[in-house]
């Protein structure tokens, strides 16, 4: 079968319509794919933004809780006079009150000037410098329990943080007991070393 010029003229419009339909279909499919890809990408972006917003909200909530917790801890430390400069006068007054309670036959003490303190093992002190005021105590005791009662009273009655490092103890000599026969003679002598720990905020004006 042969197509003549007249036959081509007859089907020409049909062919053009078919080509136009195919072009429209291709454009429609391409547009649909582009729309689907864009919709998927927009949905992923929206999900990421939602996750980021949720994470920021959780972080803000945790920060708020931490601030409240740290504020309470800071207030507690401040009330116990652990934050700030050394409180030498308060420590001396507290030790004299304990002396008047008669928890030991007698004791003497010396408080050295404050110095920087590096604990072992090291700790993260945040924005605070650790300071240490070395304090030595010497006791005359009737028995070991008096030493325990003394340090219990020290931690209970004196605001601050006393770090006990150690104590040495020995029996009083016979000569000392004979010389103090008219009074209550000590049976034990003890010497303890330690110090007061304070925190100094680095941002506090000098």
Protein backbone atom coordinates (compact mmCIF):
# COMPACT_ATOMS: atom_id res chain seq x y z
CA UNK A 1 0.00 0.00 0.00
CA UNK A 2 1.37 3.38 -0.99
CA UNK A 3 0.69 6.72 0.66
CA UNK A 4 0.16 9.52 -1.75
CA UNK A 5 0.52 13.21 -1.16
CA UNK A 6 -3.19 13.48 -0.75
CA UNK A 7 -3.18 10.71 1.88
CA UNK A 8 -0.49 12.53 3.88
CA UNK A 9 -2.55 15.68 3.81
CA UNK A 10 -5.48 13.75 5.24
CA UNK A 11 -3.54 12.15 8.19
CA UNK A 12 -1.29 15.15 8.81
CA UNK A 13 -3.61 16.67 11.36
CA UNK A 14 -4.06 13.34 13.11
CA UNK A 15 -0.27 12.98 13.40
CA UNK A 16 0.08 16.52 14.74
CA UNK A 17 -2.66 15.93 17.29
CA UNK A 18 -0.98 12.65 18.34
CA UNK A 19 2.41 14.36 18.73
CA UNK A 20 0.85 17.17 20.73
CA UNK A 21 -0.86 14.63 22.99
CA UNK A 22 2.40 12.80 23.52
CA UNK A 23 4.17 16.06 24.34
CA UNK A 24 1.48 17.04 26.81
CA UNK A 25 1.68 13.58 28.42
CA UNK A 26 5.47 13.79 28.74
CA UNK A 27 5.25 17.27 30.25
CA UNK A 28 2.54 16.08 32.65
CA UNK A 29 4.63 13.09 33.79
CA UNK A 30 7.73 15.26 34.18
CA UNK A 31 5.79 17.87 36.14
CA UNK A 32 4.31 15.16 38.34
CA UNK A 33 7.78 13.74 39.10
CA UNK A 34 9.16 17.21 39.86
CA UNK A 35 6.19 17.92 42.12
CA UNK A 36 6.63 14.60 43.91
CA UNK A 37 10.37 15.24 44.43
CA UNK A 38 9.72 18.78 45.66
CA UNK A 39 6.94 17.58 47.96
CA UNK A 40 9.23 14.86 49.40
CA UNK A 41 12.06 17.38 49.87
CA UNK A 42 9.73 19.89 51.54
CA UNK A 43 8.41 17.19 53.85
CA UNK A 44 11.97 16.18 54.84
CA UNK A 45 12.86 19.82 55.51
CA UNK A 46 9.73 20.25 57.61
CA UNK A 47 10.57 17.09 59.59
CA UNK A 48 14.15 18.32 60.20
CA UNK A 49 12.86 21.70 61.33
CA UNK A 50 10.37 20.01 63.65
CA UNK A 51 13.13 17.79 65.12
CA UNK A 52 15.44 20.80 65.56
CA UNK A 53 12.67 22.78 67.24
CA UNK A 54 11.90 19.85 69.56
CA UNK A 55 15.61 19.49 70.44
CA UNK A 56 15.92 23.20 71.17
CA UNK A 57 12.82 23.04 73.34
CA UNK A 58 14.19 20.05 75.26
CA UNK A 59 17.57 21.79 75.66
CA UNK A 60 15.90 24.96 76.93
CA UNK A 61 13.84 22.91 79.38
CA UNK A 62 16.94 21.08 80.65
CA UNK A 63 18.84 24.38 80.95
CA UNK A 64 15.97 25.81 82.98
CA UNK A 65 16.02 22.80 85.29
CA UNK A 66 19.82 22.97 85.62
CA UNK A 67 19.71 26.69 86.39
CA UNK A 68 17.14 26.09 89.12
CA UNK A 69 19.21 23.22 90.55
CA UNK A 70 22.49 25.16 90.39
CA UNK A 71 20.81 28.23 91.86
CA UNK A 72 19.72 26.17 94.87
CA UNK A 73 23.23 24.69 95.22
CA UNK A 74 24.83 28.13 94.89
CA UNK A 75 22.49 29.57 97.50
CA UNK A 76 23.27 26.67 99.85
CA UNK A 77 27.04 27.15 99.44
CA UNK A 78 26.68 30.89 99.94
CA UNK A 79 24.63 30.42 103.11
CA UNK A 80 27.28 27.99 104.43
CA UNK A 81 29.93 30.67 103.69
CA UNK A 82 31.86 28.43 101.32
CA UNK A 83 31.68 30.99 98.50
CA UNK A 84 33.65 34.24 98.66
CA UNK A 85 36.68 35.35 100.64
CA UNK A 86 37.89 33.40 103.64
CA UNK A 87 35.83 33.81 106.80
CA UNK A 88 38.67 33.72 109.29
CA UNK A 89 36.82 35.71 111.97
CA UNK A 90 33.81 33.37 111.78
CA UNK A 91 36.07 30.32 112.08
CA UNK A 92 37.87 31.76 115.12
CA UNK A 93 34.61 32.69 116.83
CA UNK A 94 33.23 29.21 116.11
CA UNK A 95 36.31 27.50 117.53
CA UNK A 96 36.09 29.62 120.68
CA UNK A 97 32.45 28.64 121.13
CA UNK A 98 33.44 24.98 120.91
CA UNK A 99 36.21 25.63 123.44
CA UNK A 100 33.63 27.03 125.86
CA UNK A 101 31.54 23.86 125.44
CA UNK A 102 34.37 21.87 127.05
CA UNK A 103 34.51 19.16 124.39
CA UNK A 104 38.24 18.84 125.04
CA UNK A 105 40.38 19.61 128.05
CA UNK A 106 42.17 22.15 125.90
CA UNK A 107 43.07 22.79 122.28
CA UNK A 108 45.15 25.24 120.31
CA UNK A 109 44.88 26.15 116.66
CA UNK A 110 46.63 28.10 113.94
CA UNK A 111 45.09 29.30 110.66
CA UNK A 112 47.51 30.02 107.82
CA UNK A 113 46.88 32.65 105.11
CA UNK A 114 44.67 31.57 102.25
CA UNK A 115 46.32 30.06 99.16
CA UNK A 116 45.25 28.47 95.88
CA UNK A 117 44.15 24.88 96.23
CA UNK A 118 44.58 22.05 93.70
CA UNK A 119 42.68 18.95 94.86
CA UNK A 120 43.88 15.45 94.03
CA UNK A 121 42.36 14.05 91.94
CA UNK A 122 41.56 17.24 90.04
CA UNK A 123 37.93 18.34 89.81
CA UNK A 124 36.06 20.68 87.48
CA UNK A 125 35.31 23.78 89.56
CA UNK A 126 33.63 25.65 86.71
CA UNK A 127 34.01 29.41 87.02
CA UNK A 128 35.38 29.21 90.56
CA UNK A 129 38.91 29.20 91.96
CA UNK A 130 39.50 26.89 94.92
CA UNK A 131 41.24 28.42 97.93
CA UNK A 132 42.57 26.72 101.04
CA UNK A 133 43.34 28.06 104.52
CA UNK A 134 45.49 25.48 106.29
CA UNK A 135 44.43 24.99 109.91
CA UNK A 136 46.30 22.91 112.49
CA UNK A 137 44.71 21.81 115.76
CA UNK A 138 46.39 20.48 118.91
CA UNK A 139 44.35 18.76 121.62
CA UNK A 140 44.59 17.56 125.20
CA UNK A 141 42.04 14.80 125.67
CA UNK A 142 40.68 12.43 128.25
CA UNK A 143 39.75 9.83 125.61
CA UNK A 144 39.46 9.36 121.85
CA UNK A 145 35.70 10.08 121.78
CA UNK A 146 36.37 13.72 122.65
CA UNK A 147 38.18 14.14 119.33
CA UNK A 148 35.23 12.71 117.40
CA UNK A 149 32.80 14.93 119.33
CA UNK A 150 34.97 17.96 118.58
CA UNK A 151 34.89 17.50 114.80
CA UNK A 152 31.18 16.68 114.87
CA UNK A 153 30.60 20.00 116.65
CA UNK A 154 32.93 21.81 114.23
CA UNK A 155 30.94 20.65 111.18
CA UNK A 156 27.64 21.28 112.92
CA UNK A 157 28.28 24.69 114.49
CA UNK A 158 30.74 26.46 112.15
CA UNK A 159 29.67 27.50 108.67
CA UNK A 160 32.24 26.55 106.07
CA UNK A 161 33.96 23.47 104.67
CA UNK A 162 36.74 22.09 106.86
CA UNK A 163 38.76 19.41 105.08
CA UNK A 164 40.35 17.09 107.64
CA UNK A 165 43.56 15.53 106.29
CA UNK A 166 44.64 13.44 109.27
CA UNK A 167 45.42 13.22 112.98
CA UNK A 168 48.23 11.80 115.06
CA UNK A 169 47.69 10.76 118.67
CA UNK A 170 49.90 9.76 121.58
CA UNK A 171 49.50 9.09 125.28
CA UNK A 172 50.40 11.84 127.74
CA UNK A 173 53.63 11.16 129.68
CA UNK A 174 53.62 10.12 133.33
CA UNK A 175 55.44 13.35 134.28
CA UNK A 176 52.65 15.42 132.76
CA UNK A 177 50.08 13.47 134.69
CA UNK A 178 51.99 13.97 137.95
CA UNK A 179 52.44 17.71 137.34
CA UNK A 180 48.69 18.07 136.76
CA UNK A 181 47.65 15.93 139.71
CA UNK A 182 45.61 18.78 141.20
CA UNK A 183 43.58 19.09 138.01
CA UNK A 184 42.13 16.71 135.46
CA UNK A 185 45.16 15.40 133.60
CA UNK A 186 45.01 14.64 129.86
CA UNK A 187 45.41 11.01 128.93
CA UNK A 188 45.98 11.72 125.24
CA UNK A 189 47.49 14.39 123.05
CA UNK A 190 46.45 14.76 119.43
CA UNK A 191 47.51 16.92 116.52
CA UNK A 192 45.31 17.23 113.43
CA UNK A 193 45.95 18.91 110.08
CA UNK A 194 43.43 20.17 107.56
CA UNK A 195 42.05 23.41 106.26
CA UNK A 196 39.06 25.48 105.20
CA UNK A 197 38.09 25.29 101.52
CA UNK A 198 36.44 28.31 99.90
CA UNK A 199 35.28 29.08 96.35
CA UNK A 200 35.98 32.41 94.66
CA UNK A 201 34.05 33.42 91.54
CA UNK A 202 36.55 34.56 88.90
CA UNK A 203 34.12 37.24 87.70
CA UNK A 204 33.78 38.82 91.14
CA UNK A 205 35.48 42.24 91.24
CA UNK A 206 38.62 42.30 93.35
